Amino acid sequence: MNPVTGLSLGRIVIGAASVANPTMVTKAFGLDVEANPQTTFMTRLFGAREIALGAATLVASGRGRTGLVLLGVGVDGADAYAGYVGPKADGIDPKAGMLMTGVAGGAVLSGLLGLLARGGSQAAKATKATTKASKKAAKKASKRAGKK
């Protein structure tokens, strides 16, 4: 299975679990629901985001899909950072921070691998096409400048 498809399906599953049973997911990430009951609210928001990003990526194609994967890599990178700084900045358990950083870091890696596997050649084609168009435009501009 393509890493992008797997990551998208994983987003939908964890998102649905987060919306349906936020307490379970919050505890699975090592956060203390009893000490901060508002974490379930934030988990539902996280779940909605994951469902939307996963579903949109699954149905997208071409540059749109590439853009959504890059968006996901950015979101997951921010999540990894939050897990990394969470123990000191927010007082979460260090093991929970490491778990969140690992999960989000794995998602970043999966997204990047998916881009290489699926979009690497497409990105190369797009880069070549852009370069070719730029050269053509520069050549036309040069000819026009020479005529003046």
N, C-alpha and C. Protein backbone atom coordinates (compact mmCIF):
# COMPACT_ATOMS: atom_id res chain seq x y z
N MET A 1 0.85 -1.18 0.00
CA MET A 1 0.00 0.00 0.00
C MET A 1 0.90 1.24 0.00
N ASN A 2 0.50 2.21 -0.78
CA ASN A 2 1.23 3.48 -0.82
C ASN A 2 1.22 4.12 0.56
N PRO A 3 2.36 4.66 1.02
CA PRO A 3 2.39 5.29 2.35
C PRO A 3 1.37 6.42 2.52
N VAL A 4 1.08 7.14 1.45
CA VAL A 4 0.11 8.24 1.55
C VAL A 4 -1.29 7.69 1.82
N THR A 5 -1.64 6.61 1.12
CA THR A 5 -2.95 5.99 1.34
C THR A 5 -3.04 5.44 2.75
N GLY A 6 -1.99 4.74 3.19
CA GLY A 6 -1.97 4.20 4.55
C GLY A 6 -2.07 5.29 5.61
N LEU A 7 -1.32 6.36 5.40
CA LEU A 7 -1.36 7.48 6.34
C LEU A 7 -2.74 8.12 6.36
N SER A 8 -3.34 8.28 5.19
CA SER A 8 -4.68 8.88 5.11
C SER A 8 -5.72 8.02 5.82
N LEU A 9 -5.66 6.72 5.60
CA LEU A 9 -6.59 5.81 6.28
C LEU A 9 -6.35 5.83 7.79
N GLY A 10 -5.08 5.87 8.19
CA GLY A 10 -4.76 5.96 9.62
C GLY A 10 -5.30 7.23 10.24
N ARG A 11 -5.20 8.34 9.51
CA ARG A 11 -5.76 9.61 10.00
C ARG A 11 -7.26 9.48 10.24
N ILE A 12 -7.95 8.86 9.29
CA ILE A 12 -9.40 8.73 9.41
C ILE A 12 -9.76 7.84 10.60
N VAL A 13 -9.04 6.75 10.78
CA VAL A 13 -9.33 5.83 11.90
C VAL A 13 -9.07 6.51 13.24
N ILE A 14 -7.91 7.13 13.40
CA ILE A 14 -7.62 7.77 14.69
C ILE A 14 -8.52 8.98 14.90
N GLY A 15 -8.86 9.65 13.81
CA GLY A 15 -9.79 10.78 13.91
C GLY A 15 -11.17 10.34 14.36
N ALA A 16 -11.66 9.27 13.78
CA ALA A 16 -12.98 8.76 14.15
C ALA A 16 -12.98 8.29 15.61
N ALA A 17 -11.91 7.62 16.02
CA ALA A 17 -11.81 7.18 17.42
C ALA A 17 -11.76 8.38 18.35
N SER A 18 -11.07 9.43 17.94
CA SER A 18 -10.95 10.64 18.77
C SER A 18 -12.28 11.35 18.94
N VAL A 19 -13.09 11.34 17.90
CA VAL A 19 -14.41 11.98 17.97
C VAL A 19 -15.38 11.09 18.77
N ALA A 20 -15.32 9.79 18.51
CA ALA A 20 -16.27 8.87 19.14
C ALA A 20 -15.96 8.60 20.61
N ASN A 21 -14.67 8.48 20.95
CA ASN A 21 -14.29 8.16 22.32
C ASN A 21 -13.03 8.95 22.71
N PRO A 22 -13.18 10.25 22.89
CA PRO A 22 -12.01 11.09 23.15
C PRO A 22 -11.28 10.72 24.45
N THR A 23 -11.99 10.24 25.44
CA THR A 23 -11.33 9.86 26.69
C THR A 23 -10.35 8.72 26.45
N MET A 24 -10.77 7.71 25.71
CA MET A 24 -9.90 6.57 25.42
C MET A 24 -8.64 7.02 24.66
N VAL A 25 -8.82 7.83 23.64
CA VAL A 25 -7.68 8.27 22.84
C VAL A 25 -6.76 9.17 23.66
N THR A 26 -7.34 10.05 24.45
CA THR A 26 -6.53 10.94 25.29
C THR A 26 -5.68 10.13 26.26
N LYS A 27 -6.29 9.13 26.88
CA LYS A 27 -5.54 8.26 27.80
C LYS A 27 -4.49 7.44 27.07
N ALA A 28 -4.81 6.99 25.85
CA ALA A 28 -3.85 6.22 25.06
C ALA A 28 -2.60 7.04 24.75
N PHE A 29 -2.76 8.35 24.63
CA PHE A 29 -1.62 9.23 24.40
C PHE A 29 -0.91 9.61 25.70
N GLY A 30 -1.39 9.07 26.82
CA GLY A 30 -0.71 9.27 28.09
C GLY A 30 -1.07 10.55 28.81
N LEU A 31 -2.16 11.18 28.43
CA LEU A 31 -2.57 12.42 29.08
C LEU A 31 -3.57 12.11 30.19
N ASP A 32 -3.57 12.94 31.22
CA ASP A 32 -4.40 12.73 32.40
C ASP A 32 -5.74 13.45 32.22
N VAL A 33 -6.77 12.68 31.86
CA VAL A 33 -8.09 13.25 31.62
C VAL A 33 -8.71 13.76 32.92
N GLU A 34 -8.49 13.04 34.01
CA GLU A 34 -9.08 13.45 35.28
C GLU A 34 -8.52 14.80 35.75
N ALA A 35 -7.23 15.01 35.54
CA ALA A 35 -6.61 16.27 35.96
C ALA A 35 -7.02 17.43 35.05
N ASN A 36 -7.37 17.12 33.82
CA ASN A 36 -7.74 18.17 32.86
C ASN A 36 -8.83 17.64 31.94
N PRO A 37 -10.08 17.71 32.38
CA PRO A 37 -11.18 17.16 31.56
C PRO A 37 -11.37 17.85 30.21
N GLN A 38 -10.80 19.03 30.04
CA GLN A 38 -10.94 19.73 28.76
C GLN A 38 -10.13 19.04 27.64
N THR A 39 -9.24 18.12 28.02
CA THR A 39 -8.46 17.44 26.99
C THR A 39 -9.36 16.66 26.03
N THR A 40 -10.51 16.20 26.50
CA THR A 40 -11.40 15.47 25.60
C THR A 40 -11.96 16.40 24.51
N PHE A 41 -12.22 17.64 24.87
CA PHE A 41 -12.67 18.63 23.88
C PHE A 41 -11.60 18.82 22.81
N MET A 42 -10.36 18.98 23.24
CA MET A 42 -9.26 19.18 22.29
C MET A 42 -9.04 17.92 21.45
N THR A 43 -9.27 16.77 22.04
CA THR A 43 -9.11 15.52 21.30
C THR A 43 -10.16 15.42 20.20
N ARG A 44 -11.38 15.86 20.47
CA ARG A 44 -12.41 15.88 19.42
C ARG A 44 -12.00 16.81 18.27
N LEU A 45 -11.45 17.98 18.61
CA LEU A 45 -10.98 18.90 17.56
C LEU A 45 -9.88 18.24 16.73
N PHE A 46 -8.94 17.60 17.42
CA PHE A 46 -7.86 16.87 16.75
C PHE A 46 -8.46 15.81 15.81
N GLY A 47 -9.47 15.10 16.31
CA GLY A 47 -10.10 14.04 15.51
C GLY A 47 -10.76 14.58 14.25
N ALA A 48 -11.45 15.68 14.39
CA ALA A 48 -12.11 16.28 13.23
C ALA A 48 -11.07 16.70 12.18
N ARG A 49 -9.97 17.26 12.64
CA ARG A 49 -8.89 17.66 11.74
C ARG A 49 -8.32 16.45 11.01
N GLU A 50 -8.10 15.38 11.74
CA GLU A 50 -7.51 14.18 11.15
C GLU A 50 -8.46 13.55 10.12
N ILE A 51 -9.74 13.49 10.43
CA ILE A 51 -10.72 12.94 9.48
C ILE A 51 -10.73 13.78 8.21
N ALA A 52 -10.79 15.09 8.37
CA ALA A 52 -10.85 15.99 7.20
C ALA A 52 -9.60 15.87 6.35
N LEU A 53 -8.43 15.88 6.97
CA LEU A 53 -7.18 15.81 6.22
C LEU A 53 -7.02 14.45 5.55
N GLY A 54 -7.37 13.38 6.26
CA GLY A 54 -7.26 12.05 5.68
C GLY A 54 -8.21 11.85 4.51
N ALA A 55 -9.46 12.24 4.68
CA ALA A 55 -10.46 12.07 3.61
C ALA A 55 -10.12 12.93 2.40
N ALA A 56 -9.74 14.17 2.64
CA ALA A 56 -9.40 15.06 1.52
C ALA A 56 -8.21 14.53 0.74
N THR A 57 -7.22 13.99 1.44
CA THR A 57 -6.04 13.45 0.76
C THR A 57 -6.40 12.22 -0.06
N LEU A 58 -7.27 11.38 0.48
CA LEU A 58 -7.68 10.17 -0.25
C LEU A 58 -8.37 10.49 -1.57
N VAL A 59 -9.21 11.51 -1.59
CA VAL A 59 -9.99 11.80 -2.80
C VAL A 59 -9.26 12.75 -3.75
N ALA A 60 -8.20 13.38 -3.29
CA ALA A 60 -7.47 14.33 -4.14
C ALA A 60 -6.55 13.57 -5.10
N SER A 61 -6.12 14.29 -6.11
CA SER A 61 -5.15 13.71 -7.05
C SER A 61 -4.20 14.81 -7.52
N GLY A 62 -3.13 14.40 -8.13
CA GLY A 62 -2.18 15.34 -8.72
C GLY A 62 -1.58 16.30 -7.72
N ARG A 63 -1.49 17.55 -8.17
CA ARG A 63 -0.88 18.58 -7.32
C ARG A 63 -1.69 18.83 -6.05
N GLY A 64 -3.01 18.68 -6.14
CA GLY A 64 -3.85 18.85 -4.96
C GLY A 64 -3.49 17.84 -3.88
N ARG A 65 -3.29 16.60 -4.27
CA ARG A 65 -2.92 15.56 -3.32
C ARG A 65 -1.53 15.84 -2.74
N THR A 66 -0.61 16.23 -3.61
CA THR A 66 0.73 16.56 -3.13
C THR A 66 0.67 17.69 -2.11
N GLY A 67 -0.13 18.70 -2.40
CA GLY A 67 -0.28 19.82 -1.46
C GLY A 67 -0.86 19.39 -0.14
N LEU A 68 -1.85 18.48 -0.17
CA LEU A 68 -2.44 17.99 1.07
C LEU A 68 -1.46 17.15 1.87
N VAL A 69 -0.64 16.37 1.18
CA VAL A 69 0.38 15.58 1.89
C VAL A 69 1.38 16.52 2.54
N LEU A 70 1.79 17.55 1.84
CA LEU A 70 2.71 18.53 2.42
C LEU A 70 2.08 19.25 3.61
N LEU A 71 0.81 19.58 3.50
CA LEU A 71 0.09 20.18 4.62
C LEU A 71 0.11 19.23 5.81
N GLY A 72 -0.17 17.95 5.55
CA GLY A 72 -0.14 16.95 6.61
C GLY A 72 1.23 16.83 7.25
N VAL A 73 2.29 16.88 6.44
CA VAL A 73 3.65 16.82 6.97
C VAL A 73 3.89 18.02 7.89
N GLY A 74 3.42 19.19 7.49
CA GLY A 74 3.57 20.37 8.34
C GLY A 74 2.81 20.25 9.65
N VAL A 75 1.57 19.77 9.56
CA VAL A 75 0.73 19.59 10.76
C VAL A 75 1.38 18.56 11.69
N ASP A 76 1.83 17.45 11.10
CA ASP A 76 2.45 16.40 11.92
C ASP A 76 3.78 16.88 12.52
N GLY A 77 4.50 17.70 11.77
CA GLY A 77 5.73 18.28 12.32
C GLY A 77 5.43 19.17 13.52
N ALA A 78 4.36 19.95 13.43
CA ALA A 78 3.96 20.79 14.57
C ALA A 78 3.53 19.93 15.75
N ASP A 79 2.83 18.82 15.47
CA ASP A 79 2.44 17.91 16.54
C ASP A 79 3.66 17.28 17.20
N ALA A 80 4.66 16.92 16.40
CA ALA A 80 5.89 16.35 16.95
C ALA A 80 6.58 17.37 17.85
N TYR A 81 6.62 18.61 17.40
CA TYR A 81 7.22 19.67 18.22
C TYR A 81 6.46 19.83 19.53
N ALA A 82 5.13 19.82 19.45
CA ALA A 82 4.32 19.96 20.66
C ALA A 82 4.59 18.83 21.64
N GLY A 83 4.74 17.61 21.12
CA GLY A 83 5.08 16.49 21.99
C GLY A 83 6.46 16.63 22.60
N TYR A 84 7.38 17.20 21.83
CA TYR A 84 8.75 17.38 22.32
C TYR A 84 8.84 18.43 23.44
N VAL A 85 8.16 19.55 23.25
CA VAL A 85 8.23 20.62 24.25
C VAL A 85 7.21 20.46 25.36
N GLY A 86 6.21 19.60 25.15
CA GLY A 86 5.11 19.42 26.10
C GLY A 86 5.52 19.14 27.54
N PRO A 87 6.48 18.26 27.78
CA PRO A 87 6.84 17.98 29.17
C PRO A 87 7.35 19.22 29.92
N LYS A 88 8.15 20.04 29.29
CA LYS A 88 8.66 21.23 29.97
C LYS A 88 7.69 22.40 29.91
N ALA A 89 7.11 22.61 28.74
CA ALA A 89 6.25 23.79 28.55
C ALA A 89 4.86 23.62 29.14
N ASP A 90 4.33 22.40 29.11
CA ASP A 90 2.94 22.19 29.50
C ASP A 90 2.76 21.22 30.66
N GLY A 91 3.85 20.67 31.14
CA GLY A 91 3.77 19.77 32.29
C GLY A 91 3.20 18.40 32.00
N ILE A 92 3.21 17.98 30.72
CA ILE A 92 2.72 16.63 30.46
C ILE A 92 3.81 15.63 30.82
N ASP A 93 3.38 14.39 31.02
CA ASP A 93 4.32 13.33 31.38
C ASP A 93 5.35 13.17 30.27
N PRO A 94 6.64 13.05 30.61
CA PRO A 94 7.67 12.90 29.57
C PRO A 94 7.43 11.70 28.63
N LYS A 95 6.91 10.60 29.19
CA LYS A 95 6.62 9.45 28.33
C LYS A 95 5.53 9.78 27.32
N ALA A 96 4.53 10.55 27.75
CA ALA A 96 3.47 10.97 26.83
C ALA A 96 4.05 11.86 25.74
N GLY A 97 4.94 12.76 26.12
CA GLY A 97 5.58 13.63 25.13
C GLY A 97 6.38 12.83 24.11
N MET A 98 7.12 11.83 24.60
CA MET A 98 7.90 10.99 23.68
C MET A 98 6.98 10.20 22.76
N LEU A 99 5.87 9.69 23.29
CA LEU A 99 4.92 8.95 22.48
C LEU A 99 4.35 9.83 21.38
N MET A 100 3.91 11.03 21.74
CA MET A 100 3.34 11.95 20.76
C MET A 100 4.37 12.35 19.71
N THR A 101 5.59 12.61 20.16
CA THR A 101 6.65 12.97 19.22
C THR A 101 6.94 11.82 18.27
N GLY A 102 6.97 10.60 18.80
CA GLY A 102 7.23 9.44 17.96
C GLY A 102 6.13 9.18 16.94
N VAL A 103 4.89 9.25 17.39
CA VAL A 103 3.75 9.02 16.48
C VAL A 103 3.73 10.10 15.39
N ALA A 104 3.85 11.34 15.80
CA ALA A 104 3.80 12.43 14.81
C ALA A 104 5.03 12.40 13.90
N GLY A 105 6.18 12.08 14.46
CA GLY A 105 7.40 11.96 13.65
C GLY A 105 7.27 10.84 12.62
N GLY A 106 6.64 9.74 13.03
CA GLY A 106 6.39 8.65 12.09
C GLY A 106 5.46 9.07 10.97
N ALA A 107 4.48 9.90 11.30
CA ALA A 107 3.56 10.40 10.28
C ALA A 107 4.29 11.32 9.30
N VAL A 108 5.20 12.14 9.82
CA VAL A 108 6.00 13.00 8.93
C VAL A 108 6.81 12.13 7.97
N LEU A 109 7.46 11.12 8.51
CA LEU A 109 8.27 10.22 7.69
C LEU A 109 7.41 9.51 6.65
N SER A 110 6.25 9.03 7.06
CA SER A 110 5.35 8.35 6.13
C SER A 110 4.90 9.28 5.01
N GLY A 111 4.57 10.51 5.35
CA GLY A 111 4.17 11.48 4.33
C GLY A 111 5.29 11.77 3.34
N LEU A 112 6.49 11.95 3.86
CA LEU A 112 7.63 12.23 2.98
C LEU A 112 7.95 11.02 2.09
N LEU A 113 7.89 9.83 2.67
CA LEU A 113 8.12 8.62 1.87
C LEU A 113 7.05 8.48 0.79
N GLY A 114 5.83 8.80 1.15
CA GLY A 114 4.75 8.75 0.18
C GLY A 114 4.97 9.72 -0.97
N LEU A 115 5.48 10.88 -0.65
CA LEU A 115 5.77 11.86 -1.71
C LEU A 115 6.88 11.35 -2.61
N LEU A 116 7.88 10.72 -2.01
CA LEU A 116 8.97 10.18 -2.82
C LEU A 116 8.49 9.02 -3.68
N ALA A 117 7.69 8.12 -3.08
CA ALA A 117 7.22 6.95 -3.81
C ALA A 117 6.24 7.33 -4.92
N ARG A 118 5.31 8.19 -4.59
CA ARG A 118 4.25 8.53 -5.53
C ARG A 118 4.56 9.78 -6.33
N GLY A 119 4.97 10.80 -5.59
CA GLY A 119 5.09 12.10 -6.21
C GLY A 119 6.49 12.51 -6.58
N GLY A 120 7.47 11.70 -6.19
CA GLY A 120 8.84 12.08 -6.52
C GLY A 120 9.02 12.28 -8.00
N SER A 121 8.52 11.31 -8.78
CA SER A 121 8.64 11.44 -10.22
C SER A 121 7.72 12.53 -10.75
N GLN A 122 6.54 12.68 -10.12
CA GLN A 122 5.62 13.75 -10.54
C GLN A 122 6.22 15.11 -10.20
N ALA A 123 6.85 15.20 -9.03
CA ALA A 123 7.47 16.46 -8.66
C ALA A 123 8.62 16.79 -9.61
N ALA A 124 9.36 15.75 -10.00
CA ALA A 124 10.46 15.97 -10.95
C ALA A 124 9.90 16.43 -12.30
N LYS A 125 8.79 15.82 -12.74
CA LYS A 125 8.16 16.23 -14.01
C LYS A 125 7.68 17.68 -13.92
N ALA A 126 7.06 18.01 -12.79
CA ALA A 126 6.56 19.38 -12.61
C ALA A 126 7.71 20.37 -12.60
N THR A 127 8.81 20.00 -11.95
CA THR A 127 9.98 20.87 -11.90
C THR A 127 10.56 21.05 -13.30
N LYS A 128 10.66 19.95 -14.05
CA LYS A 128 11.17 20.03 -15.42
C LYS A 128 10.28 20.90 -16.29
N ALA A 129 8.95 20.72 -16.15
CA ALA A 129 8.00 21.52 -16.94
C ALA A 129 8.11 22.99 -16.58
N THR A 130 8.24 23.28 -15.30
CA THR A 130 8.37 24.68 -14.86
C THR A 130 9.67 25.27 -15.39
N THR A 131 10.76 24.50 -15.31
CA THR A 131 12.05 24.97 -15.81
C THR A 131 11.99 25.22 -17.31
N LYS A 132 11.36 24.29 -18.03
CA LYS A 132 11.23 24.44 -19.49
C LYS A 132 10.43 25.69 -19.84
N ALA A 133 9.33 25.89 -19.14
CA ALA A 133 8.49 27.07 -19.39
C ALA A 133 9.25 28.35 -19.06
N SER A 134 10.02 28.32 -17.98
CA SER A 134 10.80 29.51 -17.59
C SER A 134 11.85 29.83 -18.64
N LYS A 135 12.52 28.79 -19.14
CA LYS A 135 13.54 29.00 -20.18
C LYS A 135 12.91 29.56 -21.45
N LYS A 136 11.74 29.01 -21.81
CA LYS A 136 11.04 29.47 -23.01
C LYS A 136 10.65 30.94 -22.86
N ALA A 137 10.13 31.30 -21.68
CA ALA A 137 9.73 32.69 -21.43
C ALA A 137 10.95 33.60 -21.46
N ALA A 138 12.05 33.13 -20.87
CA ALA A 138 13.27 33.94 -20.87
C ALA A 138 13.80 34.14 -22.29
N LYS A 139 13.70 33.09 -23.10
CA LYS A 139 14.17 33.17 -24.49
C LYS A 139 13.34 34.19 -25.27
N LYS A 140 11.99 34.14 -25.09
CA LYS A 140 11.11 35.10 -25.75
C LYS A 140 11.43 36.53 -25.32
N ALA A 141 11.63 36.69 -24.00
CA ALA A 141 11.94 38.02 -23.49
C ALA A 141 13.24 38.53 -24.05
N SER A 142 14.21 37.64 -24.18
CA SER A 142 15.52 38.01 -24.72
C SER A 142 15.41 38.44 -26.18
N LYS A 143 14.58 37.69 -26.95
CA LYS A 143 14.39 38.04 -28.35
C LYS A 143 13.73 39.40 -28.48
N ARG A 144 12.70 39.64 -27.61
CA ARG A 144 12.01 40.94 -27.63
C ARG A 144 12.95 42.06 -27.26
N ALA A 145 13.79 41.82 -26.29
CA ALA A 145 14.74 42.85 -25.86
C ALA A 145 15.76 43.14 -26.95
N GLY A 146 16.15 42.11 -27.73
CA GLY A 146 17.10 42.28 -28.83
C GLY A 146 16.52 43.05 -29.99
N LYS A 147 15.20 43.00 -30.18
CA LYS A 147 14.53 43.70 -31.27
C LYS A 147 14.38 45.18 -30.98
N LYS A 148 14.44 45.57 -29.73
CA LYS A 148 14.21 46.98 -29.38
C LYS A 148 15.43 47.81 -29.55
